[in-house]
């Protein structure tokens, strides 16, 4: 895979079952190593429609805005500034002129392959707190809190919120983001290998192969789960994920890009108000039956709670679908810029789009 170390601005973006019935299950696969966390505390929209345009009328224009990064994997805007997550363990800020280091935790980060500093989110209610997702020297996933001011983040202020053991160096997920209700969402891969080798994604009592949803901040230690999402592990909001590398909120809709294995790349569009979702891996890859599968499959026999998807594109041979973010503008001729880091180029998989229950197939916006 080829990577590009610069940062570009995209001026217009195209956003665009087996025979079983699906019921999420929480059966446990015996003999697997447990996944550890620091443990939770338990506490008792309107979507704006954009102008629809055809693929033929959509133009992507790229403009380089910064360079010199080692391995940029995420760019997000906050407080009128752009922040770039560099996988070896640094966060850069672009205000005016060249990028400046905002946080440097390279001494804590295990970098290489799919490991490293992978996610960043700013607390919506505390303007001096940010959260990162990184691979620790032990190989485990760490979500940690840092304090910051206008000049930068204090690397000595780390407070570990969540720690999850990883049995393999790939499928670490990495995305974190605050949702519309102010809670922190975390995408967790299935533990790595292939074919859900460690039997995690269909369990519901492990934090791997899931989307997590927790409350964080100075009011809770280390975090809190606000309600019951229907799984044995309180933090789990949905199961059946392979490697949800990137996701984005659009009002109360959630778009999740889940990296496929051999045949299908998957984008799931669901609502944050949904409960008990099962995206199907490894029973399904996208909407197709998957012939591999884990040891957990024989005991759980679930099927996805997603409706039949609609294909939205076939990438060029050898690419991986690593993001899903809708973009809208008030007129077809008005561009809607977003900043994206140079990432994986080349793909060999078709892309499938899956809607949530009773959701229509998307238009091109």
Protein backbone atom coordinates (compact mmCIF):
# COMPACT_ATOMS: atom_id res chain seq x y z
CA UNK A 1 0.00 0.00 0.00
CA UNK A 2 1.22 3.48 -0.89
CA UNK A 3 0.84 6.31 1.58
CA UNK A 4 1.05 10.06 1.06
CA UNK A 5 2.46 12.20 3.88
CA UNK A 6 0.87 15.52 2.96
CA UNK A 7 -2.49 17.02 3.85
CA UNK A 8 -4.99 17.99 1.18
CA UNK A 9 -8.30 19.80 1.00
CA UNK A 10 -11.15 18.11 -0.86
CA UNK A 11 -13.49 20.66 -2.38
CA UNK A 12 -16.41 18.35 -3.19
CA UNK A 13 -17.22 14.88 -1.89
CA UNK A 14 -19.47 12.05 -3.03
CA UNK A 15 -21.25 10.69 0.02
CA UNK A 16 -23.14 8.72 -0.84
CA UNK A 17 -28.08 -11.43 4.07
CA UNK A 18 -27.79 -14.64 4.46
CA UNK A 19 -31.08 -16.55 4.96
CA UNK A 20 -30.97 -16.10 8.75
CA UNK A 21 -32.88 -13.39 10.62
CA UNK A 22 -30.70 -11.13 12.74
CA UNK A 23 -30.81 -11.03 16.49
CA UNK A 24 -27.79 -9.75 18.41
CA UNK A 25 -26.41 -12.33 20.82
CA UNK A 26 -24.06 -12.18 23.76
CA UNK A 27 -22.76 -15.74 23.92
CA UNK A 28 -19.24 -16.26 25.14
CA UNK A 29 -16.57 -18.14 23.23
CA UNK A 30 -14.78 -20.36 25.69
CA UNK A 31 -11.02 -20.47 26.05
CA UNK A 32 -10.24 -16.98 24.74
CA UNK A 33 -8.14 -14.51 26.69
CA UNK A 34 -10.30 -11.86 28.40
CA UNK A 35 -10.24 -8.25 27.34
CA UNK A 36 -9.49 -5.93 30.21
CA UNK A 37 -10.78 -2.42 30.81
CA UNK A 38 -10.46 -0.01 33.70
CA UNK A 39 -14.18 -0.50 34.37
CA UNK A 40 -17.12 1.87 34.10
CA UNK A 41 -19.34 3.69 36.52
CA UNK A 42 -23.05 3.17 35.80
CA UNK A 43 -25.49 6.14 35.88
CA UNK A 44 -29.01 5.83 36.50
CA UNK A 45 -32.90 16.00 14.22
CA UNK A 46 -33.32 17.03 11.95
CA UNK A 47 -31.03 16.22 8.98
CA UNK A 48 -30.41 19.00 6.46
CA UNK A 49 -30.84 17.74 2.93
CA UNK A 50 -28.15 18.74 0.44
CA UNK A 51 -28.41 19.32 -3.27
CA UNK A 52 -28.40 16.04 -5.18
CA UNK A 53 -25.95 15.93 -8.07
CA UNK A 54 -24.88 13.17 -10.39
CA UNK A 55 -21.52 11.45 -10.25
CA UNK A 56 -20.71 12.87 -13.68
CA UNK A 57 -21.25 16.43 -12.38
CA UNK A 58 -19.19 15.94 -9.22
CA UNK A 59 -15.63 17.22 -9.33
CA UNK A 60 -12.96 16.55 -6.72
CA UNK A 61 -10.33 19.28 -6.42
CA UNK A 62 -7.29 18.72 -4.19
CA UNK A 63 -5.11 21.45 -2.74
CA UNK A 64 -2.10 20.80 -0.50
CA UNK A 65 -2.31 22.78 2.74
CA UNK A 66 0.57 21.31 4.76
CA UNK A 67 3.39 18.77 4.48
CA UNK A 68 6.30 17.31 6.39
CA UNK A 69 4.35 14.80 8.48
CA UNK A 70 5.61 11.26 9.06
CA UNK A 71 2.30 9.39 8.72
CA UNK A 72 -0.82 11.60 8.99
CA UNK A 73 -3.95 9.55 9.67
CA UNK A 74 -6.56 12.11 10.75
CA UNK A 75 -7.27 15.84 10.40
CA UNK A 76 -10.00 17.58 12.41
CA UNK A 77 -10.93 21.23 12.94
CA UNK A 78 -11.51 22.71 16.40
CA UNK A 79 -11.62 26.31 17.59
CA UNK A 80 -10.84 27.65 14.15
CA UNK A 81 -7.64 25.61 13.84
CA UNK A 82 -6.77 22.37 12.08
CA UNK A 83 -5.25 19.48 14.02
CA UNK A 84 -3.37 16.63 12.35
CA UNK A 85 -2.80 13.25 14.02
CA UNK A 86 0.60 11.83 13.05
CA UNK A 87 0.73 8.08 13.67
CA UNK A 88 4.19 7.88 15.32
CA UNK A 89 2.78 9.86 18.27
CA UNK A 90 2.42 13.58 17.56
CA UNK A 91 -0.48 15.97 17.07
CA UNK A 92 0.21 19.02 14.93
CA UNK A 93 -1.76 22.26 14.82
CA UNK A 94 -2.10 24.37 11.68
CA UNK A 95 -3.16 27.93 12.40
CA UNK A 96 -1.17 30.28 10.24
CA UNK A 97 2.03 29.25 8.55
CA UNK A 98 3.79 25.92 9.10
CA UNK A 99 2.42 23.21 11.42
CA UNK A 100 3.48 23.31 15.08
CA UNK A 101 3.62 20.37 17.49
CA UNK A 102 0.61 20.48 19.82
CA UNK A 103 1.17 17.18 21.67
CA UNK A 104 4.09 14.76 21.58
CA UNK A 105 3.63 11.33 23.20
CA UNK A 106 5.98 9.32 20.98
CA UNK A 107 7.65 7.82 24.05
CA UNK A 108 4.35 6.16 24.99
CA UNK A 109 3.27 5.05 21.52
CA UNK A 110 4.07 1.76 19.78
CA UNK A 111 4.19 2.73 16.10
CA UNK A 112 4.22 0.46 13.06
CA UNK A 113 1.71 -1.03 10.64
CA UNK A 114 -1.78 -0.42 12.06
CA UNK A 115 -0.46 0.61 15.46
CA UNK A 116 0.31 4.10 16.69
CA UNK A 117 -1.48 7.31 17.58
CA UNK A 118 -4.79 6.80 15.76
CA UNK A 119 -7.51 9.09 17.10
CA UNK A 120 -8.24 12.53 18.57
CA UNK A 121 -11.38 14.18 19.97
CA UNK A 122 -11.99 17.44 21.85
CA UNK A 123 -14.48 17.40 24.74
CA UNK A 124 -17.58 19.41 23.75
CA UNK A 125 -18.24 20.66 27.31
CA UNK A 126 -14.69 21.22 28.57
CA UNK A 127 -12.54 23.48 26.42
CA UNK A 128 -9.33 22.33 28.10
CA UNK A 129 -9.71 18.55 27.60
CA UNK A 130 -8.85 16.36 24.64
CA UNK A 131 -8.82 12.59 24.18
CA UNK A 132 -6.56 10.37 22.13
CA UNK A 133 -6.55 6.72 21.06
CA UNK A 134 -3.12 5.11 20.78
CA UNK A 135 -1.29 1.79 20.91
CA UNK A 136 0.75 1.49 24.11
CA UNK A 137 4.18 -0.16 24.32
CA UNK A 138 2.44 -3.35 25.53
CA UNK A 139 0.36 -3.48 22.32
CA UNK A 140 -2.87 -2.61 24.11
CA UNK A 141 -5.28 0.10 22.98
CA UNK A 142 -5.34 3.13 25.28
CA UNK A 143 -7.89 5.96 25.31
CA UNK A 144 -6.46 8.79 27.40
CA UNK A 145 -7.36 12.31 28.45
CA UNK A 146 -5.00 15.31 28.28
CA UNK A 147 -5.30 18.92 29.37
CA UNK A 148 -4.42 21.69 26.94
CA UNK A 149 -4.43 25.45 26.39
CA UNK A 150 -3.92 27.64 23.35
CA UNK A 151 -0.18 26.87 23.27
CA UNK A 152 -0.44 23.08 23.38
CA UNK A 153 -1.34 19.98 25.35
CA UNK A 154 0.47 18.92 28.53
CA UNK A 155 1.98 15.48 27.89
CA UNK A 156 2.40 14.95 31.66
CA UNK A 157 -1.33 15.38 32.34
CA UNK A 158 -2.36 12.00 30.93
CA UNK A 159 -5.30 10.24 32.58
CA UNK A 160 -6.00 6.80 31.15
CA UNK A 161 -9.72 6.37 30.57
CA UNK A 162 -9.79 2.92 28.96
CA UNK A 163 -7.25 0.19 28.25
CA UNK A 164 -8.06 -2.83 26.06
CA UNK A 165 -5.70 -5.75 25.46
CA UNK A 166 -5.04 -6.53 21.78
CA UNK A 167 -4.18 -10.12 20.78
CA UNK A 168 -2.65 -9.10 17.41
CA UNK A 169 -1.03 -6.01 15.86
CA UNK A 170 -3.75 -5.34 13.28
CA UNK A 171 -7.46 -4.40 13.41
CA UNK A 172 -6.89 -1.95 16.27
CA UNK A 173 -9.64 0.42 15.13
CA UNK A 174 -8.54 3.82 16.41
CA UNK A 175 -11.30 6.36 15.76
CA UNK A 176 -12.83 8.28 18.66
CA UNK A 177 -15.41 11.07 18.41
CA UNK A 178 -18.04 12.78 20.53
CA UNK A 179 -21.61 12.13 19.42
CA UNK A 180 -24.61 14.48 19.42
CA UNK A 181 -25.47 13.56 23.04
CA UNK A 182 -21.97 14.45 24.30
CA UNK A 183 -20.71 10.91 24.88
CA UNK A 184 -17.48 9.48 23.49
CA UNK A 185 -17.71 6.82 20.78
CA UNK A 186 -14.84 4.39 20.15
CA UNK A 187 -14.39 2.04 17.19
CA UNK A 188 -12.75 -1.26 18.13
CA UNK A 189 -11.47 -3.86 15.66
CA UNK A 190 -11.94 -7.59 16.15
CA UNK A 191 -8.49 -8.24 17.59
CA UNK A 192 -6.67 -8.90 14.32
CA UNK A 193 -5.44 -11.81 12.33
CA UNK A 194 -8.04 -12.78 9.73
CA UNK A 195 -11.47 -14.49 9.73
CA UNK A 196 -12.09 -13.08 13.25
CA UNK A 197 -9.36 -15.45 14.39
CA UNK A 198 -9.86 -14.81 18.10
CA UNK A 199 -13.64 -15.17 18.07
CA UNK A 200 -14.44 -11.73 19.43
CA UNK A 201 -16.82 -9.94 17.07
CA UNK A 202 -20.02 -11.88 17.90
CA UNK A 203 -19.60 -12.17 21.66
CA UNK A 204 -21.00 -9.01 23.21
CA UNK A 205 -19.08 -9.57 26.45
CA UNK A 206 -15.79 -8.34 25.00
CA UNK A 207 -14.80 -4.86 23.83
CA UNK A 208 -13.29 -6.10 20.55
CA UNK A 209 -15.20 -6.07 17.27
CA UNK A 210 -17.53 -3.37 18.58
CA UNK A 211 -18.62 0.24 18.71
CA UNK A 212 -18.29 1.55 22.26
CA UNK A 213 -20.18 4.45 23.83
CA UNK A 214 -19.11 5.99 27.15
CA UNK A 215 -19.29 9.27 29.08
CA UNK A 216 -16.00 10.94 30.00
CA UNK A 217 -14.86 14.08 31.77
CA UNK A 218 -13.65 15.32 35.14
CA UNK A 219 -17.01 14.39 36.69
CA UNK A 220 -16.47 10.63 36.21
CA UNK A 221 -13.58 8.28 36.97
CA UNK A 222 -12.52 6.71 34.75
CA UNK A 223 -15.76 6.82 32.70
CA UNK A 224 -19.47 6.13 32.91
CA UNK A 225 -22.06 4.24 30.86
CA UNK A 226 -25.34 6.14 30.79
CA UNK A 227 -27.73 3.36 29.81
CA UNK A 228 -28.10 -0.31 28.90
CA UNK A 229 -27.28 -0.85 25.22
CA UNK A 230 -28.29 -4.51 25.27
CA UNK A 231 -24.97 -6.35 25.57
CA UNK A 232 -23.14 -8.12 28.39
CA UNK A 233 -20.29 -5.60 28.29
CA UNK A 234 -21.88 -2.32 29.41
CA UNK A 235 -19.72 -0.16 27.11
CA UNK A 236 -20.76 -1.99 23.93
CA UNK A 237 -23.29 -0.19 21.70
CA UNK A 238 -22.99 -2.55 18.68
CA UNK A 239 -21.18 -5.79 17.81
CA UNK A 240 -20.14 -7.53 14.61
CA UNK A 241 -17.50 -5.02 13.44
CA UNK A 242 -14.29 -6.09 11.70
CA UNK A 243 -12.21 -2.91 11.84
CA UNK A 244 -14.23 0.33 12.04
CA UNK A 245 -11.26 2.52 11.16
CA UNK A 246 -13.23 5.76 10.69
CA UNK A 247 -16.77 6.99 11.43
CA UNK A 248 -18.61 10.32 11.38
CA UNK A 249 -21.80 11.83 12.77
CA UNK A 250 -24.38 13.59 10.60
CA UNK A 251 -27.01 14.93 12.98
CA UNK A 252 -28.22 11.80 14.73
CA UNK A 253 -27.05 9.58 11.90
CA UNK A 254 -23.78 7.68 12.27
CA UNK A 255 -21.73 6.63 9.22
CA UNK A 256 -19.23 3.84 9.93
CA UNK A 257 -16.54 2.72 7.47
CA UNK A 258 -15.67 -0.88 8.33
CA UNK A 259 -12.66 -2.26 6.46
CA UNK A 260 -13.45 -5.49 4.58
CA UNK A 261 -11.33 -8.60 4.28
CA UNK A 262 -11.35 -10.22 0.83
CA UNK A 263 -14.50 -9.22 -1.04
CA UNK A 264 -16.52 -6.27 0.28
CA UNK A 265 -15.81 -2.90 1.89
CA UNK A 266 -18.64 -1.81 4.18
CA UNK A 267 -20.24 1.52 5.10
CA UNK A 268 -23.01 1.34 7.69
CA UNK A 269 -25.45 4.20 8.18
CA UNK A 270 -27.37 3.90 11.45
CA UNK A 271 -28.94 6.15 14.08
CA UNK A 272 -27.43 6.91 17.46
CA UNK A 273 -30.88 6.07 18.84
CA UNK A 274 -30.65 2.45 17.61
CA UNK A 275 -29.98 -0.28 20.14
CA UNK A 276 -28.72 -3.86 20.02
CA UNK A 277 -27.14 -3.61 16.55
CA UNK A 278 -25.10 -6.43 15.05
CA UNK A 279 -23.16 -5.57 11.88
CA UNK A 280 -22.70 -9.25 11.15
CA UNK A 281 -18.96 -9.90 10.95
CA UNK A 282 -17.77 -12.66 10.53
CA UNK A 283 -21.12 -14.22 9.55
CA UNK A 284 -21.27 -11.59 6.84
CA UNK A 285 -18.76 -9.49 4.97
CA UNK A 286 -20.88 -6.49 4.03
CA UNK A 287 -24.16 -8.05 2.88
CA UNK A 288 -22.49 -11.22 1.58
CA UNK A 289 -22.18 -14.46 3.48
CA UNK A 290 -18.59 -14.95 4.65
CA UNK A 291 -17.08 -18.41 4.30
CA UNK A 292 -14.41 -17.98 6.97
CA UNK A 293 -15.74 -17.28 10.41
CA UNK A 294 -14.59 -17.73 13.98
CA UNK A 295 -15.07 -20.32 16.66
CA UNK A 296 -17.80 -18.10 18.12
CA UNK A 297 -19.92 -18.55 14.99
CA UNK A 298 -20.87 -22.15 15.80
CA UNK A 299 -22.39 -21.18 19.14
CA UNK A 300 -23.94 -17.77 18.41
CA UNK A 301 -25.35 -18.14 14.87
CA UNK A 302 -26.40 -14.47 14.62
CA UNK A 303 -27.20 -12.55 11.46
CA UNK A 304 -26.90 -8.82 10.90
CA UNK A 305 -29.58 -6.38 12.00
CA UNK A 306 -28.89 -4.31 8.90
CA UNK A 307 -31.19 -4.17 5.89
CA UNK A 308 -29.97 -5.09 2.43
CA UNK A 309 -27.46 -2.50 1.28
CA UNK A 310 -27.08 -0.66 -1.99
CA UNK A 311 -23.73 -0.61 -3.82
CA UNK A 312 -22.27 2.91 -3.91
CA UNK A 313 -19.06 2.36 -5.83
CA UNK A 314 -16.32 0.02 -6.90
CA UNK A 315 -12.87 1.37 -6.03
CA UNK A 316 -9.88 0.81 -8.26
CA UNK A 317 -8.07 -2.52 -7.84
CA UNK A 318 -6.26 -2.88 -4.48
CA UNK A 319 -8.00 0.00 -2.35
CA UNK A 320 -9.42 -0.09 1.20
CA UNK A 321 -12.44 1.93 2.26
CA UNK A 322 -11.17 3.89 5.25
CA UNK A 323 -13.65 6.72 5.76
CA UNK A 324 -17.31 7.74 5.53
CA UNK A 325 -18.30 11.37 5.87
CA UNK A 326 -21.32 13.00 4.17
CA UNK A 327 -20.86 16.52 2.83
CA UNK A 328 -23.64 18.91 1.88
CA UNK A 329 -23.81 22.31 0.20
CA UNK A 330 -26.68 24.72 -0.48
CA UNK A 331 -26.23 24.48 -4.24
CA UNK A 332 -24.60 22.05 -6.61
CA UNK A 333 -22.11 24.69 -7.67
CA UNK A 334 -21.02 25.46 -4.09
CA UNK A 335 -18.04 23.48 -2.87
CA UNK A 336 -17.91 22.14 0.69
CA UNK A 337 -14.23 21.82 1.64
CA UNK A 338 -13.03 19.26 4.13
CA UNK A 339 -9.45 18.41 5.08
CA UNK A 340 -8.19 14.84 4.78
CA UNK A 341 -4.78 13.28 5.39
CA UNK A 342 -3.16 11.35 2.59
CA UNK A 343 -3.96 7.70 3.30
CA UNK A 344 -4.22 4.29 1.70
CA UNK A 345 -4.22 4.26 -2.08
CA UNK A 346 -5.21 1.21 -4.14
CA UNK A 347 -8.10 -1.12 -3.51
CA UNK A 348 -9.30 -4.42 -4.76
CA UNK A 349 -12.72 -4.64 -3.11
CA UNK A 350 -16.21 -3.56 -4.18
CA UNK A 351 -17.93 -1.20 -1.78
CA UNK A 352 -21.33 -1.93 -0.24
CA UNK A 353 -23.48 0.61 1.58
CA UNK A 354 -25.75 -0.74 4.33
CA UNK A 355 -28.66 1.23 5.74
CA UNK A 356 -30.17 0.71 9.15
CA UNK A 357 -33.62 -0.80 9.60
CA UNK A 358 -36.26 1.04 7.54
CA UNK A 359 -33.70 3.50 6.15
CA UNK A 360 -33.71 4.46 2.47
CA UNK A 361 -30.76 4.01 0.17
CA UNK A 362 -28.67 7.20 -0.05
CA UNK A 363 -28.57 9.76 -2.82
CA UNK A 364 -25.39 11.34 -4.09
CA UNK A 365 -24.89 14.64 -2.27
